[in-house]
Amino acid sequence: MAKQKARMLASDGLFVGISAGANVLASQEWLLRNGKDNAITILCDRGERYFSCLWVNVLIQILRKRLCSILAYLELQETSTV
């Protein structure tokens, strides 16, 4: 579950590792159990040490989305100038 949470954080722009994902997961569970709205946690590691096993697929997905956006933009530009 911590690995999935780290991947989800990547979609929010936080390049963290599994330990930080576990901290966020534990904070969210604490909030639910205690009926609170806010919590503070420490993102205690960076994602680069997990790059080969955790981030390659995320990076590929991000690049695909960006490439599709660029291609769609170029297509619009091409059709509007014709």
C-alpha atoms as a PDB file:
ATOM      1  CA  MET A   1       0.000   0.000   0.000  1.00  0.00           C
ATOM      2  CA  ALA A   2       2.862   2.411   0.727  1.00  0.00           C
ATOM      3  CA  LYS A   3       4.275   1.825  -2.742  1.00  0.00           C
ATOM      4  CA  GLN A   4       0.924   2.715  -4.334  1.00  0.00           C
ATOM      5  CA  LYS A   5       0.659   5.828  -2.130  1.00  0.00           C
ATOM      6  CA  ALA A   6       4.122   6.951  -3.282  1.00  0.00           C
ATOM      7  CA  ARG A   7       2.979   6.527  -6.887  1.00  0.00           C
ATOM      8  CA  MET A   8      -0.172   8.540  -6.174  1.00  0.00           C
ATOM      9  CA  LEU A   9       1.936  11.304  -4.621  1.00  0.00           C
ATOM     10  CA  ALA A  10       3.959  11.403  -7.828  1.00  0.00           C
ATOM     11  CA  SER A  11       0.845  12.438  -9.725  1.00  0.00           C
ATOM     12  CA  ASP A  12       0.685  15.417  -7.331  1.00  0.00           C
ATOM     13  CA  GLY A  13       4.303  16.271  -8.128  1.00  0.00           C
ATOM     14  CA  LEU A  14       5.959  14.785  -5.024  1.00  0.00           C
ATOM     15  CA  PHE A  15       8.919  12.583  -5.957  1.00  0.00           C
ATOM     16  CA  VAL A  16       9.123  10.503  -2.767  1.00  0.00           C
ATOM     17  CA  GLY A  17       9.945   6.956  -1.811  1.00  0.00           C
ATOM     18  CA  ILE A  18       8.068   4.174  -0.099  1.00  0.00           C
ATOM     19  CA  SER A  19       8.763   5.376   3.468  1.00  0.00           C
ATOM     20  CA  ALA A  20       7.267   8.784   2.742  1.00  0.00           C
ATOM     21  CA  GLY A  21       4.285   7.048   1.123  1.00  0.00           C
ATOM     22  CA  ALA A  22       3.828   5.028   4.327  1.00  0.00           C
ATOM     23  CA  ASN A  23       3.956   8.242   6.398  1.00  0.00           C
ATOM     24  CA  VAL A  24       1.245   9.867   4.297  1.00  0.00           C
ATOM     25  CA  LEU A  25      -0.876   6.718   4.453  1.00  0.00           C
ATOM     26  CA  ALA A  26      -0.538   6.562   8.261  1.00  0.00           C
ATOM     27  CA  SER A  27      -1.418  10.271   8.532  1.00  0.00           C
ATOM     28  CA  GLN A  28      -4.553   9.772   6.460  1.00  0.00           C
ATOM     29  CA  GLU A  29      -5.616   6.828   8.628  1.00  0.00           C
ATOM     30  CA  TRP A  30      -4.981   8.877  11.796  1.00  0.00           C
ATOM     31  CA  LEU A  31      -7.134  11.706  10.424  1.00  0.00           C
ATOM     32  CA  LEU A  32      -9.999   9.308   9.739  1.00  0.00           C
ATOM     33  CA  ARG A  33      -9.794   7.604  13.140  1.00  0.00           C
ATOM     34  CA  ASN A  34      -9.587  10.867  15.071  1.00  0.00           C
ATOM     35  CA  GLY A  35     -12.064  12.935  13.064  1.00  0.00           C
ATOM     36  CA  LYS A  36      -9.490  15.611  12.276  1.00  0.00           C
ATOM     37  CA  ASP A  37      -9.024  17.684   9.139  1.00  0.00           C
ATOM     38  CA  ASN A  38      -5.278  18.377   9.190  1.00  0.00           C
ATOM     39  CA  ALA A  39      -2.084  16.564  10.077  1.00  0.00           C
ATOM     40  CA  ILE A  40       1.631  17.128   9.657  1.00  0.00           C
ATOM     41  CA  THR A  41       3.976  14.404   8.496  1.00  0.00           C
ATOM     42  CA  ILE A  42       7.552  14.219   7.304  1.00  0.00           C
ATOM     43  CA  LEU A  43       8.372  13.069   3.791  1.00  0.00           C
ATOM     44  CA  CYS A  44      11.514  11.291   4.890  1.00  0.00           C
ATOM     45  CA  ASP A  45      13.001  10.012   1.644  1.00  0.00           C
ATOM     46  CA  ARG A  46      13.458  10.894  -1.983  1.00  0.00           C
ATOM     47  CA  GLY A  47      12.265   8.868  -4.917  1.00  0.00           C
ATOM     48  CA  GLU A  48      15.496   8.531  -6.864  1.00  0.00           C
ATOM     49  CA  ARG A  49      16.681   5.428  -5.026  1.00  0.00           C
ATOM     50  CA  TYR A  50      13.498   3.660  -6.145  1.00  0.00           C
ATOM     51  CA  PHE A  51      13.627   4.985  -9.684  1.00  0.00           C
ATOM     52  CA  SER A  52      14.215   1.671 -11.418  1.00  0.00           C
ATOM     53  CA  CYS A  53      11.434  -0.226  -9.650  1.00  0.00           C
ATOM     54  CA  LEU A  54       8.916   2.453  -8.672  1.00  0.00           C
ATOM     55  CA  TRP A  55       9.087   5.402 -11.014  1.00  0.00           C
ATOM     56  CA  VAL A  56       9.793   4.110 -14.513  1.00  0.00           C
ATOM     57  CA  ASN A  57       6.130   3.326 -15.205  1.00  0.00           C
ATOM     58  CA  VAL A  58       5.014   6.658 -13.720  1.00  0.00           C
ATOM     59  CA  LEU A  59       7.526   8.526 -15.867  1.00  0.00           C
ATOM     60  CA  ILE A  60       6.376   6.684 -18.986  1.00  0.00           C
ATOM     61  CA  GLN A  61       2.740   7.573 -18.245  1.00  0.00           C
ATOM     62  CA  ILE A  62       3.603  11.251 -17.733  1.00  0.00           C
ATOM     63  CA  LEU A  63       5.614  11.369 -20.950  1.00  0.00           C
ATOM     64  CA  ARG A  64       2.794   9.693 -22.904  1.00  0.00           C
ATOM     65  CA  LYS A  65       0.260  12.245 -21.643  1.00  0.00           C
ATOM     66  CA  ARG A  66       2.523  15.147 -22.489  1.00  0.00           C
ATOM     67  CA  LEU A  67       3.323  13.757 -25.918  1.00  0.00           C
ATOM     68  CA  CYS A  68      -0.383  13.277 -26.681  1.00  0.00           C
ATOM     69  CA  SER A  69      -1.060  16.877 -25.603  1.00  0.00           C
ATOM     70  CA  ILE A  70       1.758  18.179 -27.799  1.00  0.00           C
ATOM     71  CA  LEU A  71       0.575  16.157 -30.798  1.00  0.00           C
ATOM     72  CA  ALA A  72      -3.017  17.371 -30.348  1.00  0.00           C
ATOM     73  CA  TYR A  73      -1.787  20.958 -30.144  1.00  0.00           C
ATOM     74  CA  LEU A  74       0.286  20.571 -33.296  1.00  0.00           C
ATOM     75  CA  GLU A  75      -2.680  19.048 -35.115  1.00  0.00           C
ATOM     76  CA  LEU A  76      -4.836  22.034 -34.163  1.00  0.00           C
ATOM     77  CA  GLN A  77      -2.170  24.423 -35.343  1.00  0.00           C
ATOM     78  CA  GLU A  78      -1.860  22.588 -38.624  1.00  0.00           C
ATOM     79  CA  THR A  79      -5.600  22.584 -39.319  1.00  0.00           C
ATOM     80  CA  SER A  80      -6.061  26.229 -38.351  1.00  0.00           C
ATOM     81  CA  THR A  81      -3.369  27.430 -40.769  1.00  0.00           C
ATOM     82  CA  VAL A  82      -4.727  25.513 -43.744  1.00  0.00           C
END
